[in-house]
């Protein structure tokens, strides 16, 4: 699922429909997995907020915002919901579980 504001607004409906139709889905944000989605892989928003604080500091010290480089996320997180995997009849490989930043049971 691609990132967009409509998906966040309709998160519960999307997760319910995916479960009803036994569709494994990969989401862009941890919120979906916490609400019952299977897997999310996306930028760590907390890390991005920390990076933004550095930008604010530089601007307050006199740098022009137009002169600051554009930054892309540098940290991504993988979250897996084992309960959802089990309900879909999926077995998550141990190597993938070991790589996950968070596993919801």
PDB file of N, CA and C in Angstrom:
ATOM      1  N   UNK A   1       0.839  -1.156   0.000  1.00  0.00           N
ATOM      2  CA  UNK A   1       0.000   0.000   0.000  1.00  0.00           C
ATOM      3  C   UNK A   1       0.892   1.229   0.000  1.00  0.00           C
ATOM      4  N   UNK A   2       0.594   2.159  -0.857  1.00  0.00           N
ATOM      5  CA  UNK A   2       1.401   3.380  -0.939  1.00  0.00           C
ATOM      6  C   UNK A   2       0.935   4.402   0.093  1.00  0.00           C
ATOM      7  N   UNK A   3       1.835   5.274   0.465  1.00  0.00           N
ATOM      8  CA  UNK A   3       1.541   6.285   1.482  1.00  0.00           C
ATOM      9  C   UNK A   3       0.635   7.367   0.912  1.00  0.00           C
ATOM     10  N   UNK A   4      -0.469   7.626   1.605  1.00  0.00           N
ATOM     11  CA  UNK A   4      -1.337   8.741   1.271  1.00  0.00           C
ATOM     12  C   UNK A   4      -2.268   9.006   2.443  1.00  0.00           C
ATOM     13  N   UNK A   5      -2.768  10.238   2.565  1.00  0.00           N
ATOM     14  CA  UNK A   5      -3.601  10.576   3.717  1.00  0.00           C
ATOM     15  C   UNK A   5      -4.923   9.813   3.752  1.00  0.00           C
ATOM     16  N   UNK A   6      -5.468   9.448   2.607  1.00  0.00           N
ATOM     17  CA  UNK A   6      -6.735   8.718   2.574  1.00  0.00           C
ATOM     18  C   UNK A   6      -6.587   7.331   3.191  1.00  0.00           C
ATOM     19  N   UNK A   7      -5.442   6.712   2.998  1.00  0.00           N
ATOM     20  CA  UNK A   7      -5.200   5.387   3.580  1.00  0.00           C
ATOM     21  C   UNK A   7      -5.186   5.463   5.096  1.00  0.00           C
ATOM     22  N   UNK A   8      -4.625   6.518   5.635  1.00  0.00           N
ATOM     23  CA  UNK A   8      -4.580   6.660   7.085  1.00  0.00           C
ATOM     24  C   UNK A   8      -5.991   6.868   7.635  1.00  0.00           C
ATOM     25  N   UNK A   9      -6.782   7.687   6.969  1.00  0.00           N
ATOM     26  CA  UNK A   9      -8.153   7.941   7.409  1.00  0.00           C
ATOM     27  C   UNK A   9      -8.985   6.660   7.380  1.00  0.00           C
ATOM     28  N   UNK A  10      -8.783   5.839   6.366  1.00  0.00           N
ATOM     29  CA  UNK A  10      -9.568   4.611   6.188  1.00  0.00           C
ATOM     30  C   UNK A  10      -8.783   3.356   6.601  1.00  0.00           C
ATOM     31  N   UNK A  11      -7.831   3.529   7.491  1.00  0.00           N
ATOM     32  CA  UNK A  11      -6.952   2.451   7.925  1.00  0.00           C
ATOM     33  C   UNK A  11      -7.719   1.219   8.392  1.00  0.00           C
ATOM     34  N   UNK A  12      -8.680   1.398   9.270  1.00  0.00           N
ATOM     35  CA  UNK A  12      -9.408   0.252   9.828  1.00  0.00           C
ATOM     36  C   UNK A  12     -10.169  -0.511   8.753  1.00  0.00           C
ATOM     37  N   UNK A  13     -10.792   0.213   7.826  1.00  0.00           N
ATOM     38  CA  UNK A  13     -11.521  -0.438   6.740  1.00  0.00           C
ATOM     39  C   UNK A  13     -10.575  -1.232   5.843  1.00  0.00           C
ATOM     40  N   UNK A  14      -9.436  -0.659   5.524  1.00  0.00           N
ATOM     41  CA  UNK A  14      -8.462  -1.330   4.660  1.00  0.00           C
ATOM     42  C   UNK A  14      -7.954  -2.611   5.321  1.00  0.00           C
ATOM     43  N   UNK A  15      -7.634  -2.543   6.592  1.00  0.00           N
ATOM     44  CA  UNK A  15      -7.131  -3.716   7.319  1.00  0.00           C
ATOM     45  C   UNK A  15      -8.214  -4.789   7.411  1.00  0.00           C
ATOM     46  N   UNK A  16      -9.447  -4.369   7.680  1.00  0.00           N
ATOM     47  CA  UNK A  16     -10.558  -5.322   7.771  1.00  0.00           C
ATOM     48  C   UNK A  16     -10.792  -6.028   6.441  1.00  0.00           C
ATOM     49  N   UNK A  17     -10.776  -5.288   5.350  1.00  0.00           N
ATOM     50  CA  UNK A  17     -10.993  -5.896   4.037  1.00  0.00           C
ATOM     51  C   UNK A  17      -9.852  -6.840   3.652  1.00  0.00           C
ATOM     52  N   UNK A  18      -8.630  -6.456   3.976  1.00  0.00           N
ATOM     53  CA  UNK A  18      -7.489  -7.333   3.679  1.00  0.00           C
ATOM     54  C   UNK A  18      -7.615  -8.642   4.463  1.00  0.00           C
ATOM     55  N   UNK A  19      -8.023  -8.556   5.724  1.00  0.00           N
ATOM     56  CA  UNK A  19      -8.184  -9.763   6.542  1.00  0.00           C
ATOM     57  C   UNK A  19      -9.338 -10.622   6.038  1.00  0.00           C
ATOM     58  N   UNK A  20     -10.445  -9.973   5.683  1.00  0.00           N
ATOM     59  CA  UNK A  20     -11.620 -10.711   5.213  1.00  0.00           C
ATOM     60  C   UNK A  20     -11.316 -11.513   3.947  1.00  0.00           C
ATOM     61  N   UNK A  21     -10.517 -10.925   3.079  1.00  0.00           N
ATOM     62  CA  UNK A  21     -10.186 -11.577   1.807  1.00  0.00           C
ATOM     63  C   UNK A  21      -8.865 -12.345   1.859  1.00  0.00           C
ATOM     64  N   UNK A  22      -8.317 -12.483   3.083  1.00  0.00           N
ATOM     65  CA  UNK A  22      -7.074 -13.236   3.303  1.00  0.00           C
ATOM     66  C   UNK A  22      -5.928 -12.720   2.423  1.00  0.00           C
ATOM     67  N   UNK A  23      -5.806 -11.394   2.347  1.00  0.00           N
ATOM     68  CA  UNK A  23      -4.757 -10.780   1.539  1.00  0.00           C
ATOM     69  C   UNK A  23      -3.612 -10.301   2.427  1.00  0.00           C
ATOM     70  N   UNK A  24      -2.426 -10.849   2.256  1.00  0.00           N
ATOM     71  CA  UNK A  24      -1.289 -10.301   3.001  1.00  0.00           C
ATOM     72  C   UNK A  24      -0.931  -8.939   2.407  1.00  0.00           C
ATOM     73  N   UNK A  25      -0.727  -7.972   3.258  1.00  0.00           N
ATOM     74  CA  UNK A  25      -0.451  -6.619   2.770  1.00  0.00           C
ATOM     75  C   UNK A  25       0.739  -6.028   3.509  1.00  0.00           C
ATOM     76  N   UNK A  26       1.506  -5.242   2.786  1.00  0.00           N
ATOM     77  CA  UNK A  26       2.634  -4.507   3.363  1.00  0.00           C
ATOM     78  C   UNK A  26       2.244  -3.035   3.358  1.00  0.00           C
ATOM     79  N   UNK A  27       2.308  -2.426   4.528  1.00  0.00           N
ATOM     80  CA  UNK A  27       1.889  -1.039   4.695  1.00  0.00           C
ATOM     81  C   UNK A  27       3.109  -0.136   4.848  1.00  0.00           C
ATOM     82  N   UNK A  28       2.860   1.145   4.798  1.00  0.00           N
ATOM     83  CA  UNK A  28       3.950   2.125   4.817  1.00  0.00           C
ATOM     84  C   UNK A  28       4.224   2.688   6.203  1.00  0.00           C
ATOM     85  N   UNK A  29       3.384   2.332   7.180  1.00  0.00           N
ATOM     86  CA  UNK A  29       3.535   2.925   8.503  1.00  0.00           C
ATOM     87  C   UNK A  29       3.167   1.930   9.601  1.00  0.00           C
ATOM     88  N   UNK A  30       3.828   2.027  10.717  1.00  0.00           N
ATOM     89  CA  UNK A  30       3.632   1.136  11.854  1.00  0.00           C
ATOM     90  C   UNK A  30       2.202   1.135  12.362  1.00  0.00           C
ATOM     91  N   UNK A  31       1.496   2.252  12.243  1.00  0.00           N
ATOM     92  CA  UNK A  31       0.114   2.353  12.721  1.00  0.00           C
ATOM     93  C   UNK A  31      -0.776   1.237  12.160  1.00  0.00           C
ATOM     94  N   UNK A  32      -0.549   0.862  10.925  1.00  0.00           N
ATOM     95  CA  UNK A  32      -1.353  -0.171  10.280  1.00  0.00           C
ATOM     96  C   UNK A  32      -1.127  -1.532  10.942  1.00  0.00           C
ATOM     97  N   UNK A  33       0.096  -1.832  11.282  1.00  0.00           N
ATOM     98  CA  UNK A  33       0.419  -3.120  11.903  1.00  0.00           C
ATOM     99  C   UNK A  33      -0.105  -3.153  13.334  1.00  0.00           C
ATOM    100  N   UNK A  34       0.002  -2.067  14.042  1.00  0.00           N
ATOM    101  CA  UNK A  34      -0.529  -1.995  15.403  1.00  0.00           C
ATOM    102  C   UNK A  34      -2.045  -2.172  15.409  1.00  0.00           C
ATOM    103  N   UNK A  35      -2.703  -1.781  14.315  1.00  0.00           N
ATOM    104  CA  UNK A  35      -4.162  -1.915  14.205  1.00  0.00           C
ATOM    105  C   UNK A  35      -4.585  -3.266  13.633  1.00  0.00           C
ATOM    106  N   UNK A  36      -3.621  -4.144  13.319  1.00  0.00           N
ATOM    107  CA  UNK A  36      -3.966  -5.477  12.840  1.00  0.00           C
ATOM    108  C   UNK A  36      -3.462  -5.829  11.462  1.00  0.00           C
ATOM    109  N   UNK A  37      -2.706  -4.942  10.822  1.00  0.00           N
ATOM    110  CA  UNK A  37      -2.116  -5.243   9.519  1.00  0.00           C
ATOM    111  C   UNK A  37      -0.965  -6.221   9.659  1.00  0.00           C
ATOM    112  N   UNK A  38      -0.505  -6.766   8.556  1.00  0.00           N
ATOM    113  CA  UNK A  38       0.531  -7.797   8.588  1.00  0.00           C
ATOM    114  C   UNK A  38       1.937  -7.232   8.787  1.00  0.00           C
ATOM    115  N   UNK A  39       2.391  -6.430   7.843  1.00  0.00           N
ATOM    116  CA  UNK A  39       3.780  -5.941   7.863  1.00  0.00           C
ATOM    117  C   UNK A  39       3.807  -4.475   7.438  1.00  0.00           C
ATOM    118  N   UNK A  40       4.693  -3.707   8.048  1.00  0.00           N
ATOM    119  CA  UNK A  40       4.949  -2.357   7.551  1.00  0.00           C
ATOM    120  C   UNK A  40       6.443  -2.179   7.361  1.00  0.00           C
ATOM    121  N   UNK A  41       6.771  -1.435   6.336  1.00  0.00           N
ATOM    122  CA  UNK A  41       8.161  -1.067   6.085  1.00  0.00           C
ATOM    123  C   UNK A  41       8.152   0.362   5.584  1.00  0.00           C
ATOM    124  N   UNK A  42       8.732   1.241   6.369  1.00  0.00           N
ATOM    125  CA  UNK A  42       8.729   2.639   5.977  1.00  0.00           C
ATOM    126  C   UNK A  42       9.671   3.446   6.831  1.00  0.00           C
ATOM    127  N   UNK A  43       9.725   4.742   6.539  1.00  0.00           N
ATOM    128  CA  UNK A  43      10.649   5.597   7.285  1.00  0.00           C
ATOM    129  C   UNK A  43      10.279   5.682   8.750  1.00  0.00           C
ATOM    130  N   UNK A  44      11.295   5.838   9.576  1.00  0.00           N
ATOM    131  CA  UNK A  44      11.114   6.035  11.009  1.00  0.00           C
ATOM    132  C   UNK A  44      10.816   7.523  11.207  1.00  0.00           C
ATOM    133  N   UNK A  45       9.547   7.832  11.486  1.00  0.00           N
ATOM    134  CA  UNK A  45       9.137   9.234  11.579  1.00  0.00           C
ATOM    135  C   UNK A  45       9.767   9.939  12.768  1.00  0.00           C
ATOM    136  N   UNK A  46      10.002   9.241  13.856  1.00  0.00           N
ATOM    137  CA  UNK A  46      10.647   9.854  15.013  1.00  0.00           C
ATOM    138  C   UNK A  46      12.054  10.332  14.640  1.00  0.00           C
ATOM    139  N   UNK A  47      12.770   9.535  13.851  1.00  0.00           N
ATOM    140  CA  UNK A  47      14.098   9.921  13.386  1.00  0.00           C
ATOM    141  C   UNK A  47      14.018  11.163  12.493  1.00  0.00           C
ATOM    142  N   UNK A  48      12.977  11.239  11.671  1.00  0.00           N
ATOM    143  CA  UNK A  48      12.822  12.409  10.799  1.00  0.00           C
ATOM    144  C   UNK A  48      12.544  13.667  11.615  1.00  0.00           C
ATOM    145  N   UNK A  49      11.772  13.538  12.691  1.00  0.00           N
ATOM    146  CA  UNK A  49      11.520  14.695  13.549  1.00  0.00           C
ATOM    147  C   UNK A  49      12.808  15.166  14.205  1.00  0.00           C
ATOM    148  N   UNK A  50      13.665  14.231  14.582  1.00  0.00           N
ATOM    149  CA  UNK A  50      14.960  14.604  15.158  1.00  0.00           C
ATOM    150  C   UNK A  50      15.810  15.362  14.141  1.00  0.00           C
ATOM    151  N   UNK A  51      15.777  14.907  12.886  1.00  0.00           N
ATOM    152  CA  UNK A  51      16.524  15.597  11.841  1.00  0.00           C
ATOM    153  C   UNK A  51      15.966  17.004  11.616  1.00  0.00           C
ATOM    154  N   UNK A  52      14.653  17.146  11.699  1.00  0.00           N
ATOM    155  CA  UNK A  52      14.025  18.459  11.515  1.00  0.00           C
ATOM    156  C   UNK A  52      14.483  19.433  12.602  1.00  0.00           C
ATOM    157  N   UNK A  53      14.680  18.919  13.811  1.00  0.00           N
ATOM    158  CA  UNK A  53      15.147  19.778  14.902  1.00  0.00           C
ATOM    159  C   UNK A  53      16.512  20.371  14.571  1.00  0.00           C
ATOM    160  N   UNK A  54      17.354  19.588  13.908  1.00  0.00           N
ATOM    161  CA  UNK A  54      18.663  20.098  13.486  1.00  0.00           C
ATOM    162  C   UNK A  54      18.526  21.221  12.469  1.00  0.00           C
ATOM    163  N   UNK A  55      17.545  21.089  11.592  1.00  0.00           N
ATOM    164  CA  UNK A  55      17.286  22.151  10.609  1.00  0.00           C
ATOM    165  C   UNK A  55      16.829  23.428  11.303  1.00  0.00           C
ATOM    166  N   UNK A  56      15.929  23.293  12.256  1.00  0.00           N
ATOM    167  CA  UNK A  56      15.428  24.455  12.988  1.00  0.00           C
ATOM    168  C   UNK A  56      16.591  25.145  13.689  1.00  0.00           C
ATOM    169  N   UNK A  57      17.467  24.373  14.292  1.00  0.00           N
ATOM    170  CA  UNK A  57      18.638  24.930  14.963  1.00  0.00           C
ATOM    171  C   UNK A  57      19.497  25.738  13.994  1.00  0.00           C
ATOM    172  N   UNK A  58      19.722  25.173  12.811  1.00  0.00           N
ATOM    173  CA  UNK A  58      20.559  25.867  11.821  1.00  0.00           C
ATOM    174  C   UNK A  58      19.893  27.163  11.340  1.00  0.00           C
ATOM    175  N   UNK A  59      18.584  27.135  11.178  1.00  0.00           N
ATOM    176  CA  UNK A  59      17.864  28.338  10.740  1.00  0.00           C
ATOM    177  C   UNK A  59      17.911  29.407  11.822  1.00  0.00           C
ATOM    178  N   UNK A  60      17.721  28.995  13.080  1.00  0.00           N
ATOM    179  CA  UNK A  60      17.771  29.961  14.180  1.00  0.00           C
ATOM    180  C   UNK A  60      19.167  30.554  14.367  1.00  0.00           C
ATOM    181  N   UNK A  61      20.183  29.846  13.891  1.00  0.00           N
ATOM    182  CA  UNK A  61      21.551  30.362  13.971  1.00  0.00           C
ATOM    183  C   UNK A  61      21.910  31.217  12.763  1.00  0.00           C
ATOM    184  N   UNK A  62      20.940  31.431  11.851  1.00  0.00           N
ATOM    185  CA  UNK A  62      21.160  32.374  10.765  1.00  0.00           C
ATOM    186  C   UNK A  62      21.249  31.810   9.362  1.00  0.00           C
ATOM    187  N   UNK A  63      21.251  30.506   9.189  1.00  0.00           N
ATOM    188  CA  UNK A  63      21.308  29.952   7.833  1.00  0.00           C
ATOM    189  C   UNK A  63      19.974  30.177   7.128  1.00  0.00           C
ATOM    190  N   UNK A  64      20.064  30.383   5.827  1.00  0.00           N
ATOM    191  CA  UNK A  64      18.850  30.572   5.034  1.00  0.00           C
ATOM    192  C   UNK A  64      18.241  29.202   4.717  1.00  0.00           C
ATOM    193  N   UNK A  65      16.944  29.056   4.908  1.00  0.00           N
ATOM    194  CA  UNK A  65      16.293  27.761   4.601  1.00  0.00           C
ATOM    195  C   UNK A  65      16.536  27.302   3.165  1.00  0.00           C
ATOM    196  N   UNK A  66      16.613  28.229   2.231  1.00  0.00           N
ATOM    197  CA  UNK A  66      16.821  27.866   0.827  1.00  0.00           C
ATOM    198  C   UNK A  66      18.206  27.267   0.597  1.00  0.00           C
ATOM    199  N   UNK A  67      19.146  27.551   1.492  1.00  0.00           N
ATOM    200  CA  UNK A  67      20.505  27.033   1.343  1.00  0.00           C
ATOM    201  C   UNK A  67      20.703  25.658   1.987  1.00  0.00           C
ATOM    202  N   UNK A  68      19.718  25.191   2.735  1.00  0.00           N
ATOM    203  CA  UNK A  68      19.842  23.889   3.395  1.00  0.00           C
ATOM    204  C   UNK A  68      19.552  22.763   2.402  1.00  0.00           C
ATOM    205  N   UNK A  69      20.292  21.681   2.482  1.00  0.00           N
ATOM    206  CA  UNK A  69      20.065  20.570   1.552  1.00  0.00           C
ATOM    207  C   UNK A  69      18.760  19.827   1.875  1.00  0.00           C
ATOM    208  N   UNK A  70      18.183  19.252   0.851  1.00  0.00           N
ATOM    209  CA  UNK A  70      17.005  18.412   1.037  1.00  0.00           C
ATOM    210  C   UNK A  70      17.479  17.085   1.600  1.00  0.00           C
ATOM    211  N   UNK A  71      16.773  16.586   2.595  1.00  0.00           N
ATOM    212  CA  UNK A  71      17.173  15.326   3.205  1.00  0.00           C
ATOM    213  C   UNK A  71      16.102  14.266   2.973  1.00  0.00           C
ATOM    214  N   UNK A  72      16.563  13.061   2.764  1.00  0.00           N
ATOM    215  CA  UNK A  72      15.674  11.905   2.643  1.00  0.00           C
ATOM    216  C   UNK A  72      15.791  11.098   3.928  1.00  0.00           C
ATOM    217  N   UNK A  73      14.795  10.268   4.215  1.00  0.00           N
ATOM    218  CA  UNK A  73      14.903   9.427   5.412  1.00  0.00           C
ATOM    219  C   UNK A  73      16.166   8.566   5.357  1.00  0.00           C
ATOM    220  N   UNK A  74      16.785   8.399   6.504  1.00  0.00           N
ATOM    221  CA  UNK A  74      17.991   7.571   6.568  1.00  0.00           C
ATOM    222  C   UNK A  74      17.752   6.291   7.352  1.00  0.00           C
ATOM    223  N   UNK A  75      16.659   6.254   8.109  1.00  0.00           N
ATOM    224  CA  UNK A  75      16.354   5.082   8.919  1.00  0.00           C
ATOM    225  C   UNK A  75      14.950   4.582   8.567  1.00  0.00           C
ATOM    226  N   UNK A  76      14.861   3.309   8.268  1.00  0.00           N
ATOM    227  CA  UNK A  76      13.582   2.679   7.950  1.00  0.00           C
ATOM    228  C   UNK A  76      13.323   1.597   8.987  1.00  0.00           C
ATOM    229  N   UNK A  77      12.030   1.336   9.253  1.00  0.00           N
ATOM    230  CA  UNK A  77      11.705   0.318  10.243  1.00  0.00           C
ATOM    231  C   UNK A  77      10.775  -0.740   9.659  1.00  0.00           C
ATOM    232  N   UNK A  78      11.015  -1.974  10.093  1.00  0.00           N
ATOM    233  CA  UNK A  78      10.218  -3.123   9.692  1.00  0.00           C
ATOM    234  C   UNK A  78       9.464  -3.614  10.914  1.00  0.00           C
ATOM    235  N   UNK A  79       8.124  -3.681  10.797  1.00  0.00           N
ATOM    236  CA  UNK A  79       7.277  -4.123  11.900  1.00  0.00           C
ATOM    237  C   UNK A  79       6.409  -5.271  11.385  1.00  0.00           C
ATOM    238  N   UNK A  80       6.321  -6.347  12.180  1.00  0.00           N
ATOM    239  CA  UNK A  80       5.577  -7.545  11.785  1.00  0.00           C
ATOM    240  C   UNK A  80       4.569  -7.894  12.873  1.00  0.00           C
ATOM    241  N   UNK A  81       3.344  -8.239  12.465  1.00  0.00           N
ATOM    242  CA  UNK A  81       2.299  -8.667  13.384  1.00  0.00           C
ATOM    243  C   UNK A  81       2.131 -10.176  13.240  1.00  0.00           C
ATOM    244  N   UNK A  82       2.608 -10.927  14.238  1.00  0.00           N
ATOM    245  CA  UNK A  82       2.547 -12.396  14.176  1.00  0.00           C
ATOM    246  C   UNK A  82       1.123 -12.934  14.290  1.00  0.00           C
ATOM    247  N   UNK A  83       0.275 -12.258  15.053  1.00  0.00           N
ATOM    248  CA  UNK A  83      -1.111 -12.695  15.186  1.00  0.00           C
ATOM    249  C   UNK A  83      -1.818 -12.639  13.832  1.00  0.00           C
ATOM    250  N   UNK A  84      -1.582 -11.586  13.075  1.00  0.00           N
ATOM    251  CA  UNK A  84      -2.180 -11.453  11.751  1.00  0.00           C
ATOM    252  C   UNK A  84      -1.608 -12.499  10.806  1.00  0.00           C
ATOM    253  N   UNK A  85      -0.311 -12.742  10.885  1.00  0.00           N
ATOM    254  CA  UNK A  85       0.312 -13.771  10.037  1.00  0.00           C
ATOM    255  C   UNK A  85      -0.328 -15.124  10.301  1.00  0.00           C
ATOM    256  N   UNK A  86      -0.545 -15.437  11.571  1.00  0.00           N
ATOM    257  CA  UNK A  86      -1.154 -16.712  11.933  1.00  0.00           C
ATOM    258  C   UNK A  86      -2.584 -16.809  11.399  1.00  0.00           C
ATOM    259  N   UNK A  87      -3.350 -15.732  11.496  1.00  0.00           N
ATOM    260  CA  UNK A  87      -4.736 -15.754  11.006  1.00  0.00           C
ATOM    261  C   UNK A  87      -4.803 -15.891   9.489  1.00  0.00           C
ATOM    262  N   UNK A  88      -3.748 -15.467   8.802  1.00  0.00           N
ATOM    263  CA  UNK A  88      -3.690 -15.615   7.340  1.00  0.00           C
ATOM    264  C   UNK A  88      -3.084 -16.958   6.930  1.00  0.00           C
ATOM    265  N   UNK A  89      -2.622 -17.720   7.908  1.00  0.00           N
ATOM    266  CA  UNK A  89      -2.004 -19.013   7.621  1.00  0.00           C
ATOM    267  C   UNK A  89      -0.589 -18.890   7.086  1.00  0.00           C
ATOM    268  N   UNK A  90       0.085 -17.811   7.455  1.00  0.00           N
ATOM    269  CA  UNK A  90       1.451 -17.566   6.989  1.00  0.00           C
ATOM    270  C   UNK A  90       2.452 -17.839   8.096  1.00  0.00           C
ATOM    271  N   UNK A  91       3.586 -18.389   7.718  1.00  0.00           N
ATOM    272  CA  UNK A  91       4.683 -18.570   8.659  1.00  0.00           C
ATOM    273  C   UNK A  91       5.795 -17.616   8.249  1.00  0.00           C
ATOM    274  N   UNK A  92       6.125 -16.712   9.140  1.00  0.00           N
ATOM    275  CA  UNK A  92       7.172 -15.730   8.861  1.00  0.00           C
ATOM    276  C   UNK A  92       8.521 -16.392   9.121  1.00  0.00           C
ATOM    277  N   UNK A  93       9.430 -16.363   8.136  1.00  0.00           N
ATOM    278  CA  UNK A  93      10.742 -16.986   8.332  1.00  0.00           C
ATOM    279  C   UNK A  93      11.500 -16.363   9.510  1.00  0.00           C
ATOM    280  N   UNK A  94      12.201 -17.186  10.268  1.00  0.00           N
ATOM    281  CA  UNK A  94      12.959 -16.670  11.420  1.00  0.00           C
ATOM    282  C   UNK A  94      13.971 -15.586  11.039  1.00  0.00           C
ATOM    283  N   UNK A  95      14.534 -15.672   9.853  1.00  0.00           N
ATOM    284  CA  UNK A  95      15.509 -14.653   9.442  1.00  0.00           C
ATOM    285  C   UNK A  95      14.843 -13.286   9.274  1.00  0.00           C
ATOM    286  N   UNK A  96      13.582 -13.273   8.802  1.00  0.00           N
ATOM    287  CA  UNK A  96      12.850 -12.013   8.666  1.00  0.00           C
ATOM    288  C   UNK A  96      12.466 -11.471  10.042  1.00  0.00           C
ATOM    289  N   UNK A  97      12.050 -12.350  10.927  1.00  0.00           N
ATOM    290  CA  UNK A  97      11.721 -11.928  12.293  1.00  0.00           C
ATOM    291  C   UNK A  97      12.943 -11.328  13.000  1.00  0.00           C
ATOM    292  N   UNK A  98      14.113 -11.909  12.741  1.00  0.00           N
ATOM    293  CA  UNK A  98      15.343 -11.411  13.364  1.00  0.00           C
ATOM    294  C   UNK A  98      15.698 -10.017  12.854  1.00  0.00           C
ATOM    295  N   UNK A  99      15.341  -9.724  11.619  1.00  0.00           N
ATOM    296  CA  UNK A  99      15.646  -8.414  11.038  1.00  0.00           C
ATOM    297  C   UNK A  99      14.642  -7.339  11.418  1.00  0.00           C
ATOM    298  N   UNK A 100      13.475  -7.740  11.906  1.00  0.00           N
ATOM    299  CA  UNK A 100      12.410  -6.787  12.232  1.00  0.00           C
ATOM    300  C   UNK A 100      12.822  -5.878  13.381  1.00  0.00           C
ATOM    301  N   UNK A 101      12.427  -4.619  13.291  1.00  0.00           N
ATOM    302  CA  UNK A 101      12.663  -3.673  14.372  1.00  0.00           C
ATOM    303  C   UNK A 101      11.686  -3.907  15.517  1.00  0.00           C
ATOM    304  N   UNK A 102      10.498  -4.420  15.164  1.00  0.00           N
ATOM    305  CA  UNK A 102       9.486  -4.712  16.170  1.00  0.00           C
ATOM    306  C   UNK A 102       8.625  -5.876  15.689  1.00  0.00           C
ATOM    307  N   UNK A 103       8.312  -6.771  16.612  1.00  0.00           N
ATOM    308  CA  UNK A 103       7.420  -7.902  16.327  1.00  0.00           C
ATOM    309  C   UNK A 103       6.271  -7.821  17.313  1.00  0.00           C
ATOM    310  N   UNK A 104       5.053  -7.682  16.770  1.00  0.00           N
ATOM    311  CA  UNK A 104       3.849  -7.616  17.598  1.00  0.00           C
ATOM    312  C   UNK A 104       3.278  -9.026  17.676  1.00  0.00           C
ATOM    313  N   UNK A 105       3.057  -9.515  18.897  1.00  0.00           N
ATOM    314  CA  UNK A 105       2.570 -10.889  19.061  1.00  0.00           C
ATOM    315  C   UNK A 105       1.124 -10.932  19.434  1.00  0.00           C
TER     316      UNK A 105
END
